Amino acid sequence: MIITAWSALSPYGTDDQDFARGTVAGRPLPDAPRPVPDFEPRDFLGQEGTRGMSRATALTVAASARLLTGDSDPARTGLVLGTTNGSAQSILDVNRASRLRGKPYLIQPSSIQNAAMNSVAGQTAIRHGLRGPNATLAGGRATGLSALGYSRRLLLAGRADAVLAGGTEELTEARSWVDDGSAPLAEGCALLRLETGAADGLAELAALASVVVADGDIGTAVLRAADRVLTRASPGRVWAVSGSGTADDAESKALAAVCPEATPLAPLTGSLGQVHAASGAFQVAAVLSHAAASDPAERFALLTSAEPQGIAVAAVLRIKGESIGS
């Protein structure tokens, strides 16, 4: 499975190049909550159909538009989107309205729509006319890499010719209430375009594995997942490792143990902020950006994403060529 393009709207800016330059340079951002700057849905998407959109939907619609080329077949293009719990703000708004309004039909219909967990993926597909598989994965910070595995199965089964996979998070007051406060809260959307049999591309997914440990030992989960993908991919020498930065130093110690000679890339939680379900896709985009900036001799990279509850996903990418975004 080949990653042929990526797109990212992040606290670094609304352009893919903004993210690439910012993440490679490790450019610091303000400690305050980090929105996508200068992102006004109606300016990006027009007046029609945007009035009732949640911010997460608008970010996803904007990012996915960049990955749909003129030769894309909407009937054969799927979308696999990661989330933590959907739009927390919309869920709260519907709950509040159900208690304050006298009748159920007085609740604004658009707020009910946005409260559904699969709303963002569904609205994005409708907006772009995509009729391929449409799925929402709720796995928190491990979702981005999990979406790669889900997309690979769709492609190998012949369900689609191309799949857009990634995650999105909006910056709202309600989301700040459920955040663990481990890093500055940020928003954004990162998507990858995945295809099989592409003549060229940015990277190939060589192997992917997920591990769940009942005792919540993140270090053990990461170590097991990393061992599995390295065994399956047999990459020899690994150029770089990228961890999610969500498990204190347990994740970094596990990566250092399995790939002691690889270059450790700084976790995005320190520079970008906490983007939860979008973090895995942002990690992939960051690795591709670093590879384009340094052109490493060894073409393999190991990525891991972890949830504190004991979930870890690992992936090995084989970098194929020039990789500074779509």
Protein backbone atom coordinates (compact mmCIF):
# COMPACT_ATOMS: atom_id res chain seq x y z
CA MET A 1 0.00 0.00 0.00
CA ILE A 2 1.42 3.33 -1.11
CA ILE A 3 0.99 6.75 0.47
CA THR A 4 0.79 8.99 -2.58
CA ALA A 5 0.00 12.34 -0.92
CA TRP A 6 -0.81 14.01 2.38
CA SER A 7 -2.53 17.16 3.54
CA ALA A 8 -2.50 18.94 6.89
CA LEU A 9 -4.26 21.91 8.44
CA SER A 10 -2.51 22.54 11.74
CA PRO A 11 -1.62 25.23 14.30
CA TYR A 12 1.35 25.98 12.02
CA GLY A 13 -1.01 27.16 9.28
CA THR A 14 -3.57 26.18 6.69
CA ASP A 15 -1.05 25.15 4.05
CA ASP A 16 0.75 21.81 3.86
CA GLN A 17 4.06 23.63 3.54
CA ASP A 18 3.36 25.47 6.81
CA PHE A 19 3.21 22.15 8.63
CA ALA A 20 6.23 20.69 6.84
CA ARG A 21 8.44 23.68 7.62
CA GLY A 22 7.17 24.11 11.15
CA THR A 23 7.57 20.50 12.19
CA VAL A 24 11.02 20.05 10.60
CA ALA A 25 12.28 23.22 12.29
CA GLY A 26 10.51 22.36 15.54
CA ARG A 27 9.18 25.91 15.57
CA PRO A 28 7.60 26.61 18.98
CA LEU A 29 3.99 27.70 19.27
CA PRO A 30 2.29 29.70 22.05
CA ASP A 31 1.42 27.78 25.19
CA ALA A 32 -2.21 28.84 24.94
CA PRO A 33 -4.72 26.55 23.15
CA ARG A 34 -3.61 26.21 19.55
CA PRO A 35 -6.23 26.61 16.81
CA VAL A 36 -5.61 26.43 13.07
CA PRO A 37 -4.82 30.10 12.38
CA ASP A 38 -6.83 32.08 9.87
CA PHE A 39 -9.18 29.17 9.22
CA GLU A 40 -12.67 30.47 8.52
CA PRO A 41 -14.82 27.71 6.98
CA ARG A 42 -16.79 30.04 4.71
CA ASP A 43 -13.61 31.58 3.30
CA PHE A 44 -12.23 28.14 2.47
CA LEU A 45 -15.37 26.32 1.44
CA GLY A 46 -17.80 29.03 0.38
CA GLN A 47 -21.17 30.05 1.80
CA GLU A 48 -23.21 27.09 0.62
CA GLY A 49 -23.56 24.23 3.06
CA THR A 50 -21.20 25.57 5.71
CA ARG A 51 -23.60 27.28 8.08
CA GLY A 52 -24.37 24.15 10.08
CA MET A 53 -20.94 22.52 9.83
CA SER A 54 -18.95 21.73 12.92
CA ARG A 55 -15.38 22.99 12.85
CA ALA A 56 -14.08 19.41 12.66
CA THR A 57 -16.16 18.81 9.54
CA ALA A 58 -14.94 22.01 7.91
CA LEU A 59 -11.30 21.11 8.59
CA THR A 60 -11.79 17.64 7.11
CA VAL A 61 -13.64 18.88 4.04
CA ALA A 62 -10.86 21.40 3.37
CA ALA A 63 -8.02 18.88 3.85
CA SER A 64 -9.64 16.15 1.77
CA ALA A 65 -10.29 18.52 -1.14
CA ARG A 66 -6.52 18.78 -1.68
CA LEU A 67 -6.18 15.01 -2.06
CA LEU A 68 -8.94 14.52 -4.63
CA THR A 69 -7.32 14.90 -8.01
CA GLY A 70 -9.05 15.31 -11.34
CA ASP A 71 -8.70 11.61 -12.13
CA SER A 72 -10.14 10.47 -8.78
CA ASP A 73 -13.17 8.20 -9.18
CA PRO A 74 -15.65 9.21 -6.43
CA ALA A 75 -17.34 5.82 -6.63
CA ARG A 76 -14.03 4.08 -5.84
CA THR A 77 -12.65 6.51 -3.24
CA GLY A 78 -13.15 5.76 0.44
CA LEU A 79 -12.66 7.71 3.67
CA VAL A 80 -11.44 6.33 7.00
CA LEU A 81 -11.45 8.99 9.69
CA GLY A 82 -10.24 8.82 13.27
CA THR A 83 -11.89 10.48 16.23
CA THR A 84 -11.72 10.45 20.00
CA ASN A 85 -15.40 10.89 20.81
CA GLY A 86 -16.79 12.86 17.88
CA SER A 87 -17.62 16.53 18.37
CA ALA A 88 -17.70 16.95 22.14
CA GLN A 89 -19.11 20.45 21.73
CA SER A 90 -22.00 19.28 19.55
CA ILE A 91 -22.81 16.46 21.98
CA LEU A 92 -22.87 18.95 24.84
CA ASP A 93 -25.01 21.40 22.86
CA VAL A 94 -27.62 18.75 22.07
CA ASN A 95 -27.67 17.58 25.67
CA ARG A 96 -28.10 21.13 26.91
CA ALA A 97 -30.83 21.89 24.36
CA SER A 98 -32.73 18.72 25.26
CA ARG A 99 -32.95 19.94 28.84
CA LEU A 100 -33.67 23.60 28.19
CA ARG A 101 -36.07 23.41 25.23
CA GLY A 102 -39.68 22.51 25.88
CA LYS A 103 -40.08 20.10 22.97
CA PRO A 104 -37.63 17.75 21.20
CA TYR A 105 -38.41 19.28 17.79
CA LEU A 106 -37.16 22.66 19.02
CA ILE A 107 -33.57 21.41 19.03
CA GLN A 108 -31.67 22.72 16.01
CA PRO A 109 -31.40 19.81 13.53
CA SER A 110 -27.84 20.63 12.48
CA SER A 111 -26.62 20.29 16.06
CA ILE A 112 -28.14 16.80 16.26
CA GLN A 113 -26.39 15.82 13.04
CA ASN A 114 -23.01 17.06 14.27
CA ALA A 115 -23.40 15.13 17.52
CA ALA A 116 -23.27 11.78 15.70
CA MET A 117 -19.79 10.27 15.91
CA ASN A 118 -19.66 9.44 12.19
CA SER A 119 -20.99 12.85 11.17
CA VAL A 120 -17.66 14.30 10.00
CA ALA A 121 -16.83 11.37 7.73
CA GLY A 122 -20.36 11.27 6.36
CA GLN A 123 -20.62 14.99 5.67
CA THR A 124 -17.18 15.02 4.04
CA ALA A 125 -18.14 12.19 1.69
CA ILE A 126 -21.41 13.92 0.78
CA ARG A 127 -19.65 17.22 0.16
CA HIS A 128 -17.17 15.63 -2.27
CA GLY A 129 -19.50 13.01 -3.70
CA LEU A 130 -17.41 10.09 -2.42
CA ARG A 131 -19.28 6.78 -2.68
CA GLY A 132 -16.57 4.38 -1.56
CA PRO A 133 -16.34 2.84 1.93
CA ASN A 134 -16.90 5.38 4.69
CA ALA A 135 -15.74 4.54 8.21
CA THR A 136 -15.12 6.25 11.54
CA LEU A 137 -12.63 4.77 14.01
CA ALA A 138 -12.80 5.85 17.64
CA GLY A 139 -9.40 4.94 19.06
CA GLY A 140 -8.08 8.21 20.42
CA ARG A 141 -4.39 8.84 19.84
CA ALA A 142 -3.83 5.37 18.38
CA THR A 143 -6.45 5.96 15.68
CA GLY A 144 -4.25 7.53 13.01
CA LEU A 145 -2.04 4.48 12.56
CA SER A 146 -5.00 2.13 13.02
CA ALA A 147 -6.69 3.90 10.12
CA LEU A 148 -3.76 2.88 7.90
CA GLY A 149 -4.40 -0.77 8.68
CA TYR A 150 -8.14 -0.43 8.12
CA SER A 151 -7.52 1.32 4.81
CA ARG A 152 -5.05 -1.33 3.70
CA ARG A 153 -7.66 -4.04 4.23
CA LEU A 154 -10.20 -2.10 2.17
CA LEU A 155 -7.71 -1.69 -0.67
CA LEU A 156 -6.50 -5.30 -0.63
CA ALA A 157 -10.10 -6.52 -0.65
CA GLY A 158 -10.79 -4.44 -3.76
CA ARG A 159 -13.39 -2.28 -2.01
CA ALA A 160 -11.74 0.93 -3.25
CA ASP A 161 -8.98 2.19 -5.53
CA ALA A 162 -7.98 4.99 -3.16
CA VAL A 163 -8.69 5.76 0.49
CA LEU A 164 -8.23 8.98 2.42
CA ALA A 165 -7.18 8.07 5.97
CA GLY A 166 -6.38 10.21 8.98
CA GLY A 167 -7.99 12.09 11.82
CA THR A 168 -9.41 15.41 12.88
CA GLU A 169 -9.96 17.33 16.12
CA GLU A 170 -11.60 20.69 16.74
CA LEU A 171 -10.63 23.14 19.45
CA THR A 172 -13.68 23.80 21.61
CA GLU A 173 -14.47 24.53 25.24
CA ALA A 174 -16.12 21.13 25.66
CA ARG A 175 -13.02 19.30 24.42
CA SER A 176 -10.87 21.14 26.93
CA TRP A 177 -13.05 19.75 29.73
CA VAL A 178 -12.32 16.13 28.76
CA ASP A 179 -8.63 16.63 27.97
CA ASP A 180 -6.01 15.18 30.30
CA GLY A 181 -3.93 18.36 30.23
CA SER A 182 -0.70 16.55 29.26
CA ALA A 183 0.11 19.08 26.50
CA PRO A 184 -1.34 22.33 25.13
CA LEU A 185 -4.64 21.55 23.44
CA ALA A 186 -4.52 21.92 19.65
CA GLU A 187 -6.76 21.31 16.68
CA GLY A 188 -6.21 20.23 13.11
CA CYS A 189 -6.79 17.66 10.42
CA ALA A 190 -4.25 15.41 8.72
CA LEU A 191 -5.13 13.04 5.89
CA LEU A 192 -3.14 10.59 3.79
CA ARG A 193 -4.08 9.37 0.33
CA LEU A 194 -3.50 5.61 0.09
CA GLU A 195 -3.47 3.52 -3.07
CA THR A 196 -2.36 0.08 -4.19
CA GLY A 197 -0.18 -0.45 -7.21
CA ALA A 198 0.70 3.23 -7.60
CA ALA A 199 3.59 3.81 -9.99
CA ASP A 200 5.17 6.28 -7.59
CA GLY A 201 4.46 7.75 -4.21
CA LEU A 202 5.89 9.04 -0.99
CA ALA A 203 6.09 5.92 1.16
CA GLU A 204 4.99 2.32 1.39
CA LEU A 205 3.36 0.80 4.46
CA ALA A 206 5.69 -2.15 5.01
CA ALA A 207 4.07 -3.51 8.19
CA LEU A 208 1.59 -2.57 10.91
CA ALA A 209 0.62 -4.14 14.23
CA SER A 210 -1.47 -3.24 17.26
CA VAL A 211 -1.17 -4.49 20.84
CA VAL A 212 -3.44 -4.13 23.87
CA VAL A 213 -2.19 -4.87 27.37
CA ALA A 214 -4.67 -5.28 30.20
CA ASP A 215 -2.44 -3.72 32.86
CA GLY A 216 -1.92 -0.44 30.97
CA ASP A 217 1.85 -0.93 30.69
CA ILE A 218 2.48 1.32 27.68
CA GLY A 219 6.17 0.49 27.50
CA THR A 220 5.44 -3.22 27.11
CA ALA A 221 2.68 -2.57 24.56
CA VAL A 222 4.94 -0.36 22.43
CA LEU A 223 7.82 -2.82 22.67
CA ARG A 224 5.65 -5.74 21.54
CA ALA A 225 4.06 -3.80 18.68
CA ALA A 226 7.43 -2.51 17.50
CA ASP A 227 8.98 -5.99 17.63
CA ARG A 228 6.15 -7.39 15.53
CA VAL A 229 6.36 -4.83 12.73
CA LEU A 230 10.15 -4.99 12.60
CA THR A 231 9.97 -8.77 12.31
CA ARG A 232 7.38 -8.57 9.55
CA ALA A 233 9.08 -5.81 7.58
CA SER A 234 12.70 -6.93 8.16
CA PRO A 235 13.94 -3.43 7.36
CA GLY A 236 17.52 -3.99 8.43
CA ARG A 237 18.70 -0.53 9.39
CA VAL A 238 16.01 1.97 10.48
CA TRP A 239 16.61 5.64 9.73
CA ALA A 240 14.25 7.23 12.28
CA VAL A 241 11.76 6.45 15.02
CA SER A 242 8.72 8.59 15.81
CA GLY A 243 6.76 8.17 19.03
CA SER A 244 3.47 9.80 19.98
CA GLY A 245 4.83 11.26 23.22
CA THR A 246 1.75 10.29 25.21
CA ALA A 247 3.27 7.86 27.69
CA ASP A 248 5.94 9.82 29.56
CA ASP A 249 9.30 8.20 28.76
CA ALA A 250 8.07 4.59 28.53
CA GLU A 251 7.46 4.87 24.79
CA SER A 252 10.81 6.51 24.03
CA LYS A 253 12.67 3.89 26.08
CA ALA A 254 10.94 1.11 24.17
CA LEU A 255 11.85 2.69 20.82
CA ALA A 256 15.46 3.16 21.91
CA ALA A 257 15.60 -0.51 22.91
CA VAL A 258 14.39 -1.86 19.55
CA CYS A 259 16.17 0.67 17.31
CA PRO A 260 19.16 2.04 19.25
CA GLU A 261 20.90 3.42 16.14
CA ALA A 262 17.87 5.19 14.66
CA THR A 263 17.38 8.95 14.85
CA PRO A 264 14.60 9.78 17.35
CA LEU A 265 12.26 12.43 16.00
CA ALA A 266 10.79 14.74 18.63
CA PRO A 267 7.17 13.88 19.54
CA LEU A 268 4.68 16.33 18.05
CA THR A 269 2.97 16.86 21.40
CA GLY A 270 5.88 19.09 22.37
CA SER A 271 5.75 21.33 19.31
CA LEU A 272 2.32 20.95 17.72
CA GLY A 273 0.30 20.22 20.85
CA GLN A 274 -2.26 17.59 21.78
CA VAL A 275 -4.31 16.71 18.69
CA HIS A 276 -5.52 13.34 19.98
CA ALA A 277 -7.11 11.34 17.11
CA ALA A 278 -5.29 13.36 14.45
CA SER A 279 -1.86 12.74 15.99
CA GLY A 280 -1.02 9.53 14.09
CA ALA A 281 -1.66 11.04 10.67
CA PHE A 282 0.30 14.15 11.67
CA GLN A 283 3.16 11.81 12.70
CA VAL A 284 3.25 10.24 9.25
CA ALA A 285 3.23 13.66 7.59
CA ALA A 286 6.03 14.80 9.91
CA VAL A 287 8.19 11.75 9.11
CA LEU A 288 7.72 12.35 5.37
CA SER A 289 8.62 16.01 5.84
CA HIS A 290 11.79 15.14 7.77
CA ALA A 291 12.73 12.59 5.10
CA ALA A 292 12.30 15.15 2.32
CA ALA A 293 14.45 17.65 4.22
CA SER A 294 17.29 15.21 4.96
CA ASP A 295 17.08 12.56 2.19
CA PRO A 296 18.30 9.74 4.48
CA ALA A 297 20.36 6.85 3.14
CA GLU A 298 18.29 4.33 5.11
CA ARG A 299 14.72 4.48 3.85
CA PHE A 300 12.81 2.89 6.74
CA ALA A 301 11.06 4.63 9.63
CA LEU A 302 9.32 3.17 12.68
CA LEU A 303 6.28 4.98 14.09
CA THR A 304 4.31 4.22 17.24
CA SER A 305 1.15 5.71 18.71
CA ALA A 306 -0.07 4.91 22.19
CA GLU A 307 -3.07 5.46 24.43
CA PRO A 308 -2.51 5.54 28.21
CA GLN A 309 -5.09 2.78 28.69
CA GLY A 310 -2.65 0.26 27.21
CA ILE A 311 -3.17 0.44 23.44
CA ALA A 312 -0.18 0.71 21.10
CA VAL A 313 0.01 0.68 17.31
CA ALA A 314 3.28 0.47 15.38
CA ALA A 315 4.01 0.91 11.68
CA VAL A 316 7.07 0.65 9.46
CA LEU A 317 7.23 2.95 6.45
CA ARG A 318 9.59 2.60 3.54
CA ILE A 319 10.28 6.10 2.28
CA LYS A 320 10.18 6.15 -1.50
CA GLY A 321 11.08 9.65 -2.61
CA GLU A 322 10.35 13.36 -2.48
CA SER A 323 7.81 13.88 0.27
CA ILE A 324 6.90 17.48 1.04
CA GLY A 325 3.14 17.14 0.92
CA SER A 326 0.55 17.19 -1.81
